[in-house]
Amino acid sequence: MSAHMLNDDSLDILFRNARTFNHWQNKPVSDVTLKALFDLLKAAPTSANCSPARFIFVKSQAAKEKLKSTLAPGNVDKTMTAPVTAIIINDHKFYDQLPKLFPHTDARAWFVGNQKMIDDTAARNGTLQGAYLIMAARSLGLDCGPMSGFDAEKVKEAFFPDKPDWHANFLCNLGYGDMAGMHPRSPRFDFSEVCEIV
């Protein structure tokens, strides 16, 4: 085994035994843990280090009440009982930060005036960073419940109305999962069904 390869226990935590949780233990997630989570995910790659994702961690009861009105009915209970809900946001003005994040060339100039490139880059890399959030959370012993099923415009109005270039991508409940009511894992594709080596 390579010295750089994770052991089976780690792979189980990140992938094989990880589940999407809808029920949560009554156990808080500390701010220290959320900061550690971000410190992990920020190190993972994005194109030109553009890092377009922004994160709002909804913890307080007042913030949860604001979020509640934006949710599809089937997502209310599992979100209100989760210790934290991360709002993963794509900032479509990410390129203004490129002089800081990618300083060895004028990468900002690649995007100015090219809305399609801006939108595609924000969507692709912001979603990638949302996936990194899930992996980072699992690495720190948290469970995750990523989801759609919310009104993005209502989320914007409730949490960042003064940020016209921020767009909610998806939500992810975070906490310590409770296996109560968990269904068996749904089927997955085999390699031969969806992969080619050419």
Foldseek 3Di string as FASTA:
>chain_A
DDPPDDDPVLCCLQPVVADAFQAADPDADDPVLVVQLVVQLLPDDAVLSLPQKDKDKDADPVSLVLQQVFFAPVNNNSQNRFRIKIFIKGQLQSLVCSCVRNVPDNVSVVPVPPSVVSVVRSLVRSVVSVSSSQSSLSVSVKGKHKDAGGHFVSCCVRPPVPRVRMTGDTMMGIHHHDCVPPDPDDDDDDCVVPHDDD
